[in-house]
Protein backbone atom coordinates (compact mmCIF):
# COMPACT_ATOMS: atom_id res chain seq x y z
CA MET A 1 -7.49 3.29 -21.85
CA THR A 2 -8.08 6.57 -20.10
CA ALA A 3 -7.60 6.96 -16.34
CA ASN A 4 -11.39 6.89 -15.91
CA GLU A 5 -11.64 3.64 -17.88
CA LEU A 6 -8.90 2.09 -15.73
CA VAL A 7 -10.77 3.08 -12.56
CA ASP A 8 -14.11 1.92 -14.00
CA ALA A 9 -12.62 -1.54 -14.72
CA VAL A 10 -12.22 -2.25 -10.99
CA ALA A 11 -14.97 -4.27 -9.28
CA TRP A 12 -15.31 -2.02 -6.21
CA ASP A 13 -16.98 -3.61 -3.18
CA ASP A 14 -20.24 -2.37 -1.66
CA ARG A 15 -18.29 0.29 0.26
CA GLY A 16 -16.59 1.46 -2.95
CA LEU A 17 -13.24 -0.05 -1.91
CA ALA A 18 -10.72 -2.58 -3.20
CA PRO A 19 -7.70 -4.04 -1.39
CA ALA A 20 -4.37 -2.74 -2.63
CA ILE A 21 -1.10 -4.56 -2.01
CA ALA A 22 2.17 -2.62 -2.17
CA GLN A 23 5.11 -4.76 -3.25
CA ASP A 24 8.77 -3.68 -3.45
CA SER A 25 9.57 -3.42 -7.17
CA ARG A 26 13.20 -4.51 -6.63
CA THR A 27 12.86 -7.39 -4.18
CA GLY A 28 9.25 -8.51 -4.67
CA ARG A 29 8.62 -8.35 -0.92
CA VAL A 30 5.05 -7.54 0.10
CA LEU A 31 5.26 -4.30 2.06
CA MET A 32 1.68 -3.64 3.07
CA LEU A 33 -2.00 -4.00 2.33
CA ALA A 34 -4.30 -1.00 2.35
CA TRP A 35 -7.54 0.03 0.67
CA MET A 36 -8.27 2.23 -2.32
CA ASN A 37 -11.41 3.88 -3.56
CA ARG A 38 -11.96 5.32 -7.03
CA GLU A 39 -10.40 8.67 -6.17
CA ALA A 40 -7.34 7.09 -4.51
CA LEU A 41 -6.62 4.95 -7.56
CA ALA A 42 -7.18 7.81 -10.00
CA LEU A 43 -4.88 10.10 -8.00
CA SER A 44 -2.25 7.38 -7.62
CA LEU A 45 -2.19 6.88 -11.39
CA SER A 46 -2.02 10.60 -12.13
CA GLU A 47 0.52 11.50 -9.41
CA GLY A 48 2.71 8.40 -9.76
CA ARG A 49 2.66 7.64 -6.04
CA ALA A 50 0.57 5.43 -3.76
CA ILE A 51 -2.50 7.10 -2.36
CA TYR A 52 -4.91 5.04 -0.28
CA TRP A 53 -8.27 5.38 1.43
CA SER A 54 -7.99 5.36 5.22
CA ARG A 55 -10.97 3.46 6.59
CA SER A 56 -10.24 4.58 10.16
CA ARG A 57 -10.00 8.28 9.28
CA ASN A 58 -12.47 8.13 6.39
CA GLU A 59 -10.19 10.19 4.15
CA LEU A 60 -7.52 9.95 1.48
CA TRP A 61 -4.11 8.90 2.78
CA ARG A 62 -1.07 9.95 0.77
CA LYS A 63 1.48 7.36 1.87
CA GLY A 64 4.51 9.16 3.29
CA GLU A 65 2.82 12.54 3.71
CA THR A 66 3.78 12.61 7.40
CA SER A 67 6.66 10.14 7.56
CA GLY A 68 8.37 10.95 4.27
CA HIS A 69 8.18 7.25 3.35
CA VAL A 70 6.53 7.82 -0.03
CA GLN A 71 5.76 4.93 -2.35
CA VAL A 72 6.67 5.79 -5.94
CA LEU A 73 4.54 3.79 -8.39
CA LYS A 74 6.40 1.62 -10.87
CA GLU A 75 3.50 -0.58 -12.02
CA VAL A 76 -0.15 -1.18 -11.15
CA ARG A 77 -1.89 -4.51 -11.78
CA LEU A 78 -5.48 -5.68 -11.45
CA ASP A 79 -6.28 -9.31 -10.63
CA CYS A 80 -8.41 -11.69 -12.72
CA ASP A 81 -11.62 -10.84 -10.84
CA ALA A 82 -10.83 -7.12 -11.09
CA ASP A 83 -11.32 -6.76 -7.33
CA ALA A 84 -7.74 -6.54 -6.02
CA ILE A 85 -4.88 -4.22 -6.93
CA VAL A 86 -1.14 -4.90 -6.72
CA MET A 87 1.26 -1.99 -6.99
CA GLN A 88 4.96 -2.36 -7.62
CA VAL A 89 6.53 0.53 -5.71
CA GLU A 90 9.84 2.08 -4.82
CA GLN A 91 9.62 2.54 -1.06
CA LEU A 92 11.47 5.76 -0.24
CA GLY A 93 13.29 5.57 3.08
CA GLY A 94 12.98 1.76 3.17
CA ILE A 95 10.14 1.80 5.73
CA ALA A 96 6.55 0.96 4.80
CA CYS A 97 5.13 0.05 8.22
CA HIS A 98 4.01 2.52 10.88
CA THR A 99 5.95 0.35 13.37
CA GLY A 100 9.21 1.50 11.74
CA ARG A 101 9.80 -1.76 9.86
CA GLU A 102 10.42 -2.40 6.18
CA SER A 103 7.17 -4.35 5.83
CA CYS A 104 3.91 -4.62 7.72
CA PHE A 105 4.28 -8.39 7.35
CA TYR A 106 6.99 -8.89 9.97
CA ARG A 107 5.47 -11.77 11.95
CA VAL A 108 5.82 -15.45 11.00
CA ALA A 109 3.70 -18.35 12.28
CA GLN A 110 6.12 -20.78 13.84
CA ASP A 111 5.64 -23.47 16.49
CA GLY A 112 2.09 -22.33 17.22
CA GLN A 113 2.89 -18.66 17.78
CA TRP A 114 3.58 -15.44 15.91
CA LEU A 115 7.28 -14.66 15.94
CA THR A 116 8.53 -11.18 15.12
CA THR A 117 11.29 -11.63 12.55
CA ASP A 118 12.01 -8.12 11.26
CA PRO A 119 13.80 -5.42 13.21
CA VAL A 120 12.51 -1.92 13.81
CA LEU A 121 14.59 0.27 11.50
CA LYS A 122 13.49 3.53 13.05
CA ASP A 123 11.51 4.27 16.21
CA PRO A 124 8.00 5.37 15.18
CA LYS A 125 8.26 8.24 17.70
CA GLU A 126 11.00 9.67 15.48
CA ILE A 127 8.90 9.24 12.34
CA TYR A 128 5.50 10.64 13.33
């Protein structure tokens, strides 16, 4: 398949977006969830790094452009309904979350509350 055919195979939502999960290729840990549009996926495939669509800024977001915490693509998968993307990535710098943590999924439901389980690896003020 060509890059265009790969992008065309995705069932984009009515906003032209699909959720994209970044997963550590070594550990399998889910690092983050973001959104992609056609251009973000095409560029990710051609550049070999994760590029997302920022819904808040309404623009492409090259992960790590500011922080240096680039996600190098190792594998890209499409789910059975063709409406969700999973990317196996190498997380450069070991930090995927803007809070300075390894993963954006650092809270666990326990005893009726959300407990923070992961430490801040680097103060976000030092990153951004």
